[in-house]
C-alpha atoms as a PDB file:
ATOM      1  CA  MET A   1       0.053   0.101  -0.033  1.00  0.00           C
ATOM      2  CA  THR A   2       1.164   3.533  -1.003  1.00  0.00           C
ATOM      3  CA  LEU A   3       0.676   6.016   1.613  1.00  0.00           C
ATOM      4  CA  TYR A   4       1.000   9.830   1.071  1.00  0.00           C
ATOM      5  CA  LEU A   5       1.555  12.222   3.981  1.00  0.00           C
ATOM      6  CA  ILE A   6       1.129  15.886   3.821  1.00  0.00           C
ATOM      7  CA  ASP A   7       2.237  18.292   5.874  1.00  0.00           C
ATOM      8  CA  GLY A   8      -1.062  20.646   6.258  1.00  0.00           C
ATOM      9  CA  HIS A   9      -0.098  23.798   7.146  1.00  0.00           C
ATOM     10  CA  SER A  10       2.895  23.904   4.856  1.00  0.00           C
ATOM     11  CA  TYR A  11       0.456  23.266   1.856  1.00  0.00           C
ATOM     12  CA  VAL A  12      -1.977  25.754   3.287  1.00  0.00           C
ATOM     13  CA  TYR A  13       0.633  28.510   3.211  1.00  0.00           C
ATOM     14  CA  ARG A  14       1.807  27.451  -0.431  1.00  0.00           C
ATOM     15  CA  ALA A  15      -1.637  27.596  -1.389  1.00  0.00           C
ATOM     16  CA  TYR A  16      -2.296  31.080  -0.116  1.00  0.00           C
ATOM     17  CA  HIS A  17       0.724  32.469  -1.710  1.00  0.00           C
ATOM     18  CA  ALA A  18       0.233  30.808  -5.102  1.00  0.00           C
ATOM     19  CA  ILE A  19      -3.305  32.532  -5.477  1.00  0.00           C
ATOM     20  CA  LYS A  20      -3.952  36.041  -4.700  1.00  0.00           C
ATOM     21  CA  GLN A  21      -7.176  38.083  -4.374  1.00  0.00           C
ATOM     22  CA  LEU A  22      -9.583  35.453  -4.701  1.00  0.00           C
ATOM     23  CA  SER A  23     -13.069  35.438  -2.845  1.00  0.00           C
ATOM     24  CA  ASN A  24     -16.430  34.864  -3.371  1.00  0.00           C
ATOM     25  CA  SER A  25     -19.536  37.732  -4.179  1.00  0.00           C
ATOM     26  CA  LYS A  26     -20.041  37.847  -0.513  1.00  0.00           C
ATOM     27  CA  GLY A  27     -16.532  38.799   0.147  1.00  0.00           C
ATOM     28  CA  LEU A  28     -15.164  35.814   1.640  1.00  0.00           C
ATOM     29  CA  PRO A  29     -11.565  34.986   0.847  1.00  0.00           C
ATOM     30  CA  THR A  30     -10.943  31.620  -0.844  1.00  0.00           C
ATOM     31  CA  ASN A  31      -7.535  31.837  -2.451  1.00  0.00           C
ATOM     32  CA  ALA A  32      -6.113  29.417   0.138  1.00  0.00           C
ATOM     33  CA  ILE A  33      -9.049  27.149  -0.052  1.00  0.00           C
ATOM     34  CA  TYR A  34      -8.921  26.885  -3.534  1.00  0.00           C
ATOM     35  CA  GLY A  35      -5.516  26.482  -4.220  1.00  0.00           C
ATOM     36  CA  PHE A  36      -5.209  23.863  -1.190  1.00  0.00           C
ATOM     37  CA  THR A  37      -8.095  22.008  -2.941  1.00  0.00           C
ATOM     38  CA  THR A  38      -6.469  21.616  -6.320  1.00  0.00           C
ATOM     39  CA  MET A  39      -2.909  20.829  -4.915  1.00  0.00           C
ATOM     40  CA  MET A  40      -4.470  17.980  -2.898  1.00  0.00           C
ATOM     41  CA  LEU A  41      -6.352  16.708  -5.938  1.00  0.00           C
ATOM     42  CA  LYS A  42      -3.240  17.125  -7.991  1.00  0.00           C
ATOM     43  CA  ILE A  43      -1.589  14.480  -5.583  1.00  0.00           C
ATOM     44  CA  ILE A  44      -4.240  11.988  -5.706  1.00  0.00           C
ATOM     45  CA  LYS A  45      -4.714  12.411  -9.784  1.00  0.00           C
ATOM     46  CA  GLU A  46      -0.964  12.183 -10.536  1.00  0.00           C
ATOM     47  CA  LYS A  47       0.508   9.892  -7.784  1.00  0.00           C
ATOM     48  CA  LYS A  48      -2.728   7.546  -7.340  1.00  0.00           C
ATOM     49  CA  PRO A  49      -2.133   6.922  -3.377  1.00  0.00           C
ATOM     50  CA  ASP A  50      -3.870   4.062  -1.960  1.00  0.00           C
ATOM     51  CA  ALA A  51      -3.649   6.115   1.188  1.00  0.00           C
ATOM     52  CA  LEU A  52      -3.507   9.926   2.045  1.00  0.00           C
ATOM     53  CA  CYS A  53      -3.160  11.313   5.477  1.00  0.00           C
ATOM     54  CA  ILE A  54      -2.893  15.515   6.029  1.00  0.00           C
ATOM     55  CA  VAL A  55      -1.280  16.336   9.458  1.00  0.00           C
ATOM     56  CA  PHE A  56      -1.901  19.780  11.002  1.00  0.00           C
ATOM     57  CA  ASP A  57       0.036  21.657  13.670  1.00  0.00           C
ATOM     58  CA  SER A  58      -1.620  22.377  16.893  1.00  0.00           C
ATOM     59  CA  ALA A  59      -1.766  25.721  18.625  1.00  0.00           C
ATOM     60  CA  ALA A  60      -0.253  24.306  21.788  1.00  0.00           C
ATOM     61  CA  PRO A  61       3.648  25.117  22.455  1.00  0.00           C
ATOM     62  CA  THR A  62       6.026  22.286  21.915  1.00  0.00           C
ATOM     63  CA  GLU A  63       8.926  21.128  23.567  1.00  0.00           C
ATOM     64  CA  ARG A  64      10.887  23.049  21.035  1.00  0.00           C
ATOM     65  CA  HIS A  65       9.368  26.204  22.016  1.00  0.00           C
ATOM     66  CA  LYS A  66       9.940  25.485  25.982  1.00  0.00           C
ATOM     67  CA  LEU A  67      13.653  24.777  25.079  1.00  0.00           C
ATOM     68  CA  TYR A  68      14.374  27.695  22.984  1.00  0.00           C
ATOM     69  CA  GLU A  69      12.045  30.803  23.099  1.00  0.00           C
ATOM     70  CA  LYS A  70      13.170  32.048  19.705  1.00  0.00           C
ATOM     71  CA  TYR A  71      12.494  28.877  18.011  1.00  0.00           C
ATOM     72  CA  LYS A  72      10.553  29.949  14.813  1.00  0.00           C
ATOM     73  CA  ALA A  73      10.181  33.430  16.369  1.00  0.00           C
ATOM     74  CA  GLN A  74      11.234  34.916  13.174  1.00  0.00           C
ATOM     75  CA  ARG A  75       8.095  33.847  11.200  1.00  0.00           C
ATOM     76  CA  PRO A  76       5.401  36.587  10.723  1.00  0.00           C
ATOM     77  CA  GLU A  77       2.118  36.024  12.101  1.00  0.00           C
ATOM     78  CA  THR A  78      -0.437  34.403  10.132  1.00  0.00           C
ATOM     79  CA  PRO A  79      -2.289  36.691   7.850  1.00  0.00           C
ATOM     80  CA  GLY A  80      -5.972  37.277   8.896  1.00  0.00           C
ATOM     81  CA  ASP A  81      -7.501  36.317   5.682  1.00  0.00           C
ATOM     82  CA  LEU A  82      -5.463  33.046   5.761  1.00  0.00           C
ATOM     83  CA  LEU A  83      -6.678  32.315   9.239  1.00  0.00           C
ATOM     84  CA  ALA A  84     -10.078  32.699   8.009  1.00  0.00           C
ATOM     85  CA  GLN A  85      -9.732  29.912   5.592  1.00  0.00           C
ATOM     86  CA  ILE A  86      -8.305  27.132   7.505  1.00  0.00           C
ATOM     87  CA  PRO A  87     -11.556  25.919   9.051  1.00  0.00           C
ATOM     88  CA  ALA A  88     -13.159  25.915   5.490  1.00  0.00           C
ATOM     89  CA  ILE A  89     -10.211  23.963   4.176  1.00  0.00           C
ATOM     90  CA  LYS A  90     -10.372  21.426   6.982  1.00  0.00           C
ATOM     91  CA  LYS A  91     -14.214  21.146   5.969  1.00  0.00           C
ATOM     92  CA  VAL A  92     -13.175  20.285   2.531  1.00  0.00           C
ATOM     93  CA  ILE A  93     -10.984  17.709   3.469  1.00  0.00           C
ATOM     94  CA  GLY A  94     -13.529  16.030   5.764  1.00  0.00           C
ATOM     95  CA  ALA A  95     -16.046  16.446   2.678  1.00  0.00           C
ATOM     96  CA  PHE A  96     -13.631  14.228   0.458  1.00  0.00           C
ATOM     97  CA  ASN A  97     -13.374  11.705   3.600  1.00  0.00           C
ATOM     98  CA  ILE A  98      -9.528  12.207   3.802  1.00  0.00           C
ATOM     99  CA  SER A  99      -8.147  11.594   7.189  1.00  0.00           C
ATOM    100  CA  THR A 100      -6.264  14.116   9.070  1.00  0.00           C
ATOM    101  CA  VAL A 101      -4.250  13.982  12.394  1.00  0.00           C
ATOM    102  CA  GLU A 102      -3.207  16.590  15.012  1.00  0.00           C
ATOM    103  CA  LEU A 103      -1.896  16.165  18.413  1.00  0.00           C
ATOM    104  CA  PRO A 104      -1.573  18.908  20.853  1.00  0.00           C
ATOM    105  CA  GLY A 105       1.951  19.582  21.857  1.00  0.00           C
ATOM    106  CA  TYR A 106       3.540  18.061  18.867  1.00  0.00           C
ATOM    107  CA  GLU A 107       4.869  19.520  15.482  1.00  0.00           C
ATOM    108  CA  ALA A 108       3.542  18.081  12.165  1.00  0.00           C
ATOM    109  CA  ASP A 109       7.031  17.045  11.518  1.00  0.00           C
ATOM    110  CA  ASP A 110       7.294  14.560  14.496  1.00  0.00           C
ATOM    111  CA  ILE A 111       3.656  13.380  13.628  1.00  0.00           C
ATOM    112  CA  ILE A 112       4.398  12.618  10.228  1.00  0.00           C
ATOM    113  CA  CYS A 113       7.715  10.747  10.624  1.00  0.00           C
ATOM    114  CA  THR A 114       6.396   8.573  13.384  1.00  0.00           C
ATOM    115  CA  ILE A 115       3.301   7.786  11.250  1.00  0.00           C
ATOM    116  CA  ALA A 116       5.811   6.991   8.248  1.00  0.00           C
ATOM    117  CA  LYS A 117       7.776   4.607  10.580  1.00  0.00           C
ATOM    118  CA  LYS A 118       4.992   2.753  11.821  1.00  0.00           C
ATOM    119  CA  ALA A 119       3.360   2.664   8.694  1.00  0.00           C
ATOM    120  CA  VAL A 120       6.497   1.013   7.003  1.00  0.00           C
ATOM    121  CA  LEU A 121       5.898  -1.974   9.887  1.00  0.00           C
ATOM    122  CA  GLN A 122       2.390  -2.112   8.576  1.00  0.00           C
ATOM    123  CA  GLY A 123       3.566  -2.809   5.091  1.00  0.00           C
ATOM    124  CA  CYS A 124       3.297   0.416   3.687  1.00  0.00           C
ATOM    125  CA  GLU A 125       5.644   2.603   1.150  1.00  0.00           C
ATOM    126  CA  VAL A 126       5.598   6.041   2.321  1.00  0.00           C
ATOM    127  CA  PHE A 127       6.143   9.317   0.651  1.00  0.00           C
ATOM    128  CA  ILE A 128       6.176  12.246   2.930  1.00  0.00           C
ATOM    129  CA  VAL A 129       4.968  15.567   0.940  1.00  0.00           C
ATOM    130  CA  SER A 130       7.401  17.967   1.693  1.00  0.00           C
ATOM    131  CA  GLY A 131      10.362  20.386   0.980  1.00  0.00           C
ATOM    132  CA  ASP A 132      11.695  20.596   4.629  1.00  0.00           C
ATOM    133  CA  LYS A 133      15.377  19.316   5.167  1.00  0.00           C
ATOM    134  CA  ASP A 134      14.528  18.381   8.720  1.00  0.00           C
ATOM    135  CA  MET A 135      11.996  15.554   7.445  1.00  0.00           C
ATOM    136  CA  MET A 136      15.185  13.839   5.625  1.00  0.00           C
ATOM    137  CA  GLN A 137      15.787  12.057   9.079  1.00  0.00           C
ATOM    138  CA  ALA A 138      13.013   9.687   8.524  1.00  0.00           C
ATOM    139  CA  LEU A 139      14.132   8.517   5.088  1.00  0.00           C
ATOM    140  CA  ASP A 140      14.441   4.906   4.734  1.00  0.00           C
ATOM    141  CA  THR A 141      14.180   2.230   2.110  1.00  0.00           C
ATOM    142  CA  GLN A 142      10.383   2.478   2.402  1.00  0.00           C
ATOM    143  CA  ILE A 143      10.374   6.040   3.235  1.00  0.00           C
ATOM    144  CA  LYS A 144      10.633   8.997   0.420  1.00  0.00           C
ATOM    145  CA  ILE A 145      10.349  12.653   0.237  1.00  0.00           C
ATOM    146  CA  TYR A 146       8.079  14.094  -2.277  1.00  0.00           C
ATOM    147  CA  ASP A 147       8.842  17.501  -3.029  1.00  0.00           C
ATOM    148  CA  PRO A 148       5.530  18.944  -5.129  1.00  0.00           C
ATOM    149  CA  MET A 149       7.481  22.256  -5.949  1.00  0.00           C
ATOM    150  CA  LYS A 150      10.260  20.391  -7.912  1.00  0.00           C
ATOM    151  CA  ASP A 151       8.057  17.613  -8.582  1.00  0.00           C
ATOM    152  CA  SER A 152      11.065  15.540  -7.435  1.00  0.00           C
ATOM    153  CA  VAL A 153      11.577  12.611  -5.078  1.00  0.00           C
ATOM    154  CA  VAL A 154      14.243  12.247  -2.651  1.00  0.00           C
ATOM    155  CA  ASP A 155      15.610   9.274  -1.141  1.00  0.00           C
ATOM    156  CA  LYS A 156      18.237   8.268   1.431  1.00  0.00           C
ATOM    157  CA  GLU A 157      20.893   7.606  -1.348  1.00  0.00           C
ATOM    158  CA  TYR A 158      20.246  11.421  -2.223  1.00  0.00           C
ATOM    159  CA  VAL A 159      20.884  12.459   1.275  1.00  0.00           C
ATOM    160  CA  LYS A 160      23.974  10.873   1.626  1.00  0.00           C
ATOM    161  CA  GLU A 161      25.589  12.210  -1.579  1.00  0.00           C
ATOM    162  CA  ARG A 162      24.308  15.672  -1.051  1.00  0.00           C
ATOM    163  CA  TYR A 163      25.370  15.955   2.756  1.00  0.00           C
ATOM    164  CA  GLY A 164      27.951  13.440   3.221  1.00  0.00           C
ATOM    165  CA  VAL A 165      25.886  11.844   5.993  1.00  0.00           C
ATOM    166  CA  PRO A 166      22.894   9.233   6.132  1.00  0.00           C
ATOM    167  CA  PRO A 167      19.375  10.463   6.733  1.00  0.00           C
ATOM    168  CA  GLU A 168      19.909   9.643  10.456  1.00  0.00           C
ATOM    169  CA  ARG A 169      22.495  12.309  10.872  1.00  0.00           C
ATOM    170  CA  ILE A 170      20.850  15.196   9.164  1.00  0.00           C
ATOM    171  CA  ALA A 171      19.888  16.763  12.619  1.00  0.00           C
ATOM    172  CA  GLU A 172      23.920  16.687  13.289  1.00  0.00           C
ATOM    173  CA  PHE A 173      24.372  18.606   9.848  1.00  0.00           C
ATOM    174  CA  MET A 174      21.320  21.177  10.898  1.00  0.00           C
ATOM    175  CA  ALA A 175      23.077  21.547  14.511  1.00  0.00           C
ATOM    176  CA  ILE A 176      26.338  23.150  12.725  1.00  0.00           C
ATOM    177  CA  THR A 177      24.962  24.962   9.808  1.00  0.00           C
ATOM    178  CA  GLY A 178      21.624  25.947  11.407  1.00  0.00           C
ATOM    179  CA  ASP A 179      18.482  26.414   9.837  1.00  0.00           C
ATOM    180  CA  VAL A 180      16.654  29.959   8.743  1.00  0.00           C
ATOM    181  CA  VAL A 181      13.217  28.378   8.432  1.00  0.00           C
ATOM    182  CA  ASP A 182      12.926  27.202  11.777  1.00  0.00           C
ATOM    183  CA  ASN A 183      15.574  29.678  13.440  1.00  0.00           C
ATOM    184  CA  ILE A 184      17.840  27.003  14.552  1.00  0.00           C
ATOM    185  CA  PRO A 185      21.060  28.839  15.315  1.00  0.00           C
ATOM    186  CA  GLY A 186      23.763  26.850  14.344  1.00  0.00           C
ATOM    187  CA  VAL A 187      27.319  28.002  13.968  1.00  0.00           C
ATOM    188  CA  LYS A 188      27.556  31.307  12.343  1.00  0.00           C
ATOM    189  CA  GLY A 189      30.196  31.243   9.681  1.00  0.00           C
ATOM    190  CA  ILE A 190      30.004  27.428   8.947  1.00  0.00           C
ATOM    191  CA  GLY A 191      28.063  26.496   5.914  1.00  0.00           C
ATOM    192  CA  GLU A 192      26.941  23.379   4.340  1.00  0.00           C
ATOM    193  CA  LYS A 193      30.377  22.770   2.484  1.00  0.00           C
ATOM    194  CA  THR A 194      32.169  22.890   5.773  1.00  0.00           C
ATOM    195  CA  ALA A 195      29.861  21.195   7.904  1.00  0.00           C
ATOM    196  CA  LYS A 196      29.766  18.112   5.340  1.00  0.00           C
ATOM    197  CA  VAL A 197      33.829  18.065   5.748  1.00  0.00           C
ATOM    198  CA  LEU A 198      33.475  18.255   9.490  1.00  0.00           C
ATOM    199  CA  LEU A 199      31.132  15.329   9.997  1.00  0.00           C
ATOM    200  CA  THR A 200      32.215  12.824   7.275  1.00  0.00           C
ATOM    201  CA  ALA A 201      35.633  13.054   9.333  1.00  0.00           C
ATOM    202  CA  ALA A 202      33.907  12.044  12.407  1.00  0.00           C
ATOM    203  CA  ASP A 203      31.599   8.830  13.279  1.00  0.00           C
ATOM    204  CA  SER A 204      29.027  11.009  14.993  1.00  0.00           C
ATOM    205  CA  LEU A 205      28.709  14.736  16.209  1.00  0.00           C
ATOM    206  CA  ASP A 206      29.421  13.694  19.762  1.00  0.00           C
ATOM    207  CA  GLU A 207      32.581  12.284  18.527  1.00  0.00           C
ATOM    208  CA  LEU A 208      33.498  15.680  17.027  1.00  0.00           C
ATOM    209  CA  LEU A 209      32.249  17.876  19.926  1.00  0.00           C
ATOM    210  CA  ASN A 210      34.271  15.512  22.576  1.00  0.00           C
ATOM    211  CA  HIS A 211      37.679  15.408  20.410  1.00  0.00           C
ATOM    212  CA  PRO A 212      37.688  19.024  18.786  1.00  0.00           C
ATOM    213  CA  GLU A 213      41.482  18.859  19.205  1.00  0.00           C
ATOM    214  CA  ARG A 214      41.083  16.454  15.885  1.00  0.00           C
ATOM    215  CA  ILE A 215      39.777  19.466  13.858  1.00  0.00           C
ATOM    216  CA  GLU A 216      42.854  20.457  11.722  1.00  0.00           C
ATOM    217  CA  ASN A 217      41.767  23.738  10.680  1.00  0.00           C
ATOM    218  CA  GLU A 218      42.567  26.100  13.631  1.00  0.00           C
ATOM    219  CA  ARG A 219      39.930  28.703  12.786  1.00  0.00           C
ATOM    220  CA  LEU A 220      37.212  25.782  12.298  1.00  0.00           C
ATOM    221  CA  ARG A 221      38.330  24.072  15.944  1.00  0.00           C
ATOM    222  CA  LYS A 222      38.045  27.576  17.868  1.00  0.00           C
ATOM    223  CA  MET A 223      34.784  28.070  16.450  1.00  0.00           C
ATOM    224  CA  ILE A 224      33.451  24.767  17.435  1.00  0.00           C
ATOM    225  CA  MET A 225      34.864  25.013  20.843  1.00  0.00           C
ATOM    226  CA  ALA A 226      33.278  28.303  21.250  1.00  0.00           C
ATOM    227  CA  ASN A 227      29.850  27.095  20.337  1.00  0.00           C
ATOM    228  CA  LEU A 228      29.510  23.753  22.148  1.00  0.00           C
ATOM    229  CA  ASP A 229      26.176  24.596  23.809  1.00  0.00           C
ATOM    230  CA  THR A 230      24.685  26.273  20.690  1.00  0.00           C
ATOM    231  CA  ILE A 231      25.589  22.927  18.737  1.00  0.00           C
ATOM    232  CA  LYS A 232      23.985  20.704  21.151  1.00  0.00           C
ATOM    233  CA  LEU A 233      20.756  23.095  21.470  1.00  0.00           C
ATOM    234  CA  SER A 234      20.252  23.237  17.776  1.00  0.00           C
ATOM    235  CA  LYS A 235      20.712  19.415  17.773  1.00  0.00           C
ATOM    236  CA  ALA A 236      17.963  18.968  20.186  1.00  0.00           C
ATOM    237  CA  LEU A 237      15.708  21.514  18.087  1.00  0.00           C
ATOM    238  CA  ALA A 238      16.488  19.849  14.709  1.00  0.00           C
ATOM    239  CA  THR A 239      16.056  16.139  16.022  1.00  0.00           C
ATOM    240  CA  ILE A 240      12.860  14.943  14.771  1.00  0.00           C
ATOM    241  CA  ASN A 241      10.586  12.496  17.109  1.00  0.00           C
ATOM    242  CA  THR A 242       9.641   9.608  15.862  1.00  0.00           C
ATOM    243  CA  HIS A 243       8.360   7.708  18.851  1.00  0.00           C
ATOM    244  CA  LEU A 244       5.200   9.804  19.840  1.00  0.00           C
ATOM    245  CA  PRO A 245       2.092   8.102  21.379  1.00  0.00           C
ATOM    246  CA  ILE A 246       0.195   7.507  18.157  1.00  0.00           C
ATOM    247  CA  GLU A 247      -2.015   4.170  17.591  1.00  0.00           C
ATOM    248  CA  LEU A 248      -1.917   3.628  14.041  1.00  0.00           C
ATOM    249  CA  ASP A 249      -4.064   1.545  11.679  1.00  0.00           C
ATOM    250  CA  THR A 250      -3.184   2.559   8.082  1.00  0.00           C
ATOM    251  CA  ASN A 251      -6.445   1.088   6.720  1.00  0.00           C
ATOM    252  CA  GLU A 252      -8.080   4.191   8.205  1.00  0.00           C
ATOM    253  CA  PHE A 253      -6.068   6.401   5.679  1.00  0.00           C
ATOM    254  CA  MET A 254      -7.422   4.465   2.391  1.00  0.00           C
ATOM    255  CA  LEU A 255      -8.917   6.728  -0.043  1.00  0.00           C
ATOM    256  CA  LYS A 256     -12.736   6.764   0.346  1.00  0.00           C
ATOM    257  CA  LYS A 257     -15.896   8.155  -1.306  1.00  0.00           C
ATOM    258  CA  PRO A 258     -16.381  11.747  -1.002  1.00  0.00           C
ATOM    259  CA  ASP A 259     -19.240  13.363   0.510  1.00  0.00           C
ATOM    260  CA  TRP A 260     -20.658  14.678  -2.552  1.00  0.00           C
ATOM    261  CA  SER A 261     -23.524  16.468  -1.227  1.00  0.00           C
ATOM    262  CA  ALA A 262     -21.182  18.332   1.387  1.00  0.00           C
ATOM    263  CA  LEU A 263     -18.686  19.125  -1.378  1.00  0.00           C
ATOM    264  CA  LEU A 264     -21.460  20.454  -3.567  1.00  0.00           C
ATOM    265  CA  HIS A 265     -22.518  22.560  -0.854  1.00  0.00           C
ATOM    266  CA  LEU A 266     -18.939  23.806   0.052  1.00  0.00           C
ATOM    267  CA  PHE A 267     -17.899  24.757  -3.687  1.00  0.00           C
ATOM    268  CA  SER A 268     -21.341  26.372  -4.148  1.00  0.00           C
ATOM    269  CA  GLU A 269     -20.650  28.532  -1.100  1.00  0.00           C
ATOM    270  CA  PHE A 270     -17.136  29.332  -2.329  1.00  0.00           C
ATOM    271  CA  GLU A 271     -18.177  29.684  -5.946  1.00  0.00           C
ATOM    272  CA  PHE A 272     -15.654  27.340  -7.513  1.00  0.00           C
ATOM    273  CA  LYS A 273     -17.362  26.825 -10.613  1.00  0.00           C
ATOM    274  CA  THR A 274     -14.443  24.451 -11.851  1.00  0.00           C
ATOM    275  CA  LEU A 275     -14.689  22.346  -8.830  1.00  0.00           C
ATOM    276  CA  LEU A 276     -18.200  22.039  -9.175  1.00  0.00           C
ATOM    277  CA  ARG A 277     -18.029  20.371 -12.570  1.00  0.00           C
ATOM    278  CA  LEU A 278     -15.907  17.606 -11.074  1.00  0.00           C
ATOM    279  CA  ILE A 279     -19.061  16.291  -8.901  1.00  0.00           C
ATOM    280  CA  PRO A 280     -21.076  13.529 -10.606  1.00  0.00           C
ATOM    281  CA  ALA A 281     -24.699  13.850 -11.404  1.00  0.00           C
ATOM    282  CA  ASP A 282     -25.902  11.721  -8.541  1.00  0.00           C
ATOM    283  CA  GLY A 283     -23.800  14.053  -6.021  1.00  0.00           C
ATOM    284  CA  TYR A 284     -26.703  16.398  -6.636  1.00  0.00           C
ATOM    285  CA  LYS A 285     -29.145  14.246  -5.021  1.00  0.00           C
ATOM    286  CA  GLN A 286     -29.876  14.452  -1.327  1.00  0.00           C
ATOM    287  CA  ARG A 287     -27.288  12.817   0.823  1.00  0.00           C
ATOM    288  CA  GLY A 288     -27.619   9.343   0.968  1.00  0.00           C
ATOM    289  CA  GLN A 289     -29.323   8.644  -2.222  1.00  0.00           C
ATOM    290  CA  TYR A 290     -26.488   8.055  -4.253  1.00  0.00           C
ATOM    291  CA  ASP A 291     -23.453   5.538  -4.294  1.00  0.00           C
ATOM    292  CA  THR A 292     -21.435   6.401  -7.625  1.00  0.00           C
ATOM    293  CA  ILE A 293     -17.772   6.025  -6.316  1.00  0.00           C
ATOM    294  CA  THR A 294     -17.544   3.048  -4.138  1.00  0.00           C
ATOM    295  CA  ASP A 295     -13.899   2.162  -4.562  1.00  0.00           C
ATOM    296  CA  ARG A 296     -10.493   3.671  -5.178  1.00  0.00           C
ATOM    297  CA  GLU A 297     -10.156   2.625  -8.517  1.00  0.00           C
ATOM    298  CA  LYS A 298     -13.448   4.376  -9.539  1.00  0.00           C
ATOM    299  CA  LEU A 299     -12.469   7.456  -7.394  1.00  0.00           C
ATOM    300  CA  LEU A 300      -9.001   7.654  -9.474  1.00  0.00           C
ATOM    301  CA  GLU A 301     -11.127   7.443 -12.719  1.00  0.00           C
ATOM    302  CA  PHE A 302     -13.324  10.333 -11.348  1.00  0.00           C
ATOM    303  CA  PHE A 303     -10.127  12.540 -10.646  1.00  0.00           C
ATOM    304  CA  LYS A 304      -8.816  12.039 -14.285  1.00  0.00           C
ATOM    305  CA  LYS A 305     -11.426  14.826 -14.966  1.00  0.00           C
ATOM    306  CA  PRO A 306      -9.386  18.131 -15.760  1.00  0.00           C
ATOM    307  CA  LEU A 307      -9.196  20.779 -13.132  1.00  0.00           C
END
């Protein structure tokens, strides 16, 4: 079974910035709703997954925020017109009968990677839909990353070639280089090329930090020694937790028949004429009076319609 895991908030932001100034006749902003829906359908149409799950961050503070108050602090506040659309996006997801997961106090990255690891044990091939570097920690033979912006697949062999370390050491890499997106400090002045040299010369970050005298370049040696605490903090912030308390049954993520009448109501409210054309004729009947799409094959056949 092929399972695709989508970082919901990342997808919402991409959709919001991809389409501008779209609203219905009542003035309700709909650009993020429309963009998210079409991006989600594109995954289903083109990748034909057996199962799909969309994971969202919660508003509750995480351990990373408690550990470092500046974590992600550089990110601007969510625009009000985007916040107003998130409940509607979740309604659309629900109407498609697509599973969502959200755990208070845990980031979507940790949830996604935990699900990915557990899903592999249940016989799944997993694709994480993301462009985030930290997700690379979860990569394995049966876990890959699909970057929709580049339409490319990242596997563990790519990580080893690109960064010089296997996926499980990506947090060590980010501990040295830092990460602008999440405001992980790292060591100022050390970039990816130098970090690759440092880490490939040691079996682990701990070995590097415990024996800085082995670093031949005096300038680098001093930089590492002067930033030991920052590096350790950065590694803690960058490390994905794949052991969250999640009970998983991947069968619950299988693609199901959408609730056509609910989608008809939502797409009509948002005035999505293009998406309304996707709804089969039986979907215009009252709820419970139709059974047009009953299995995955027929569902995928439906999604062959042009958006």
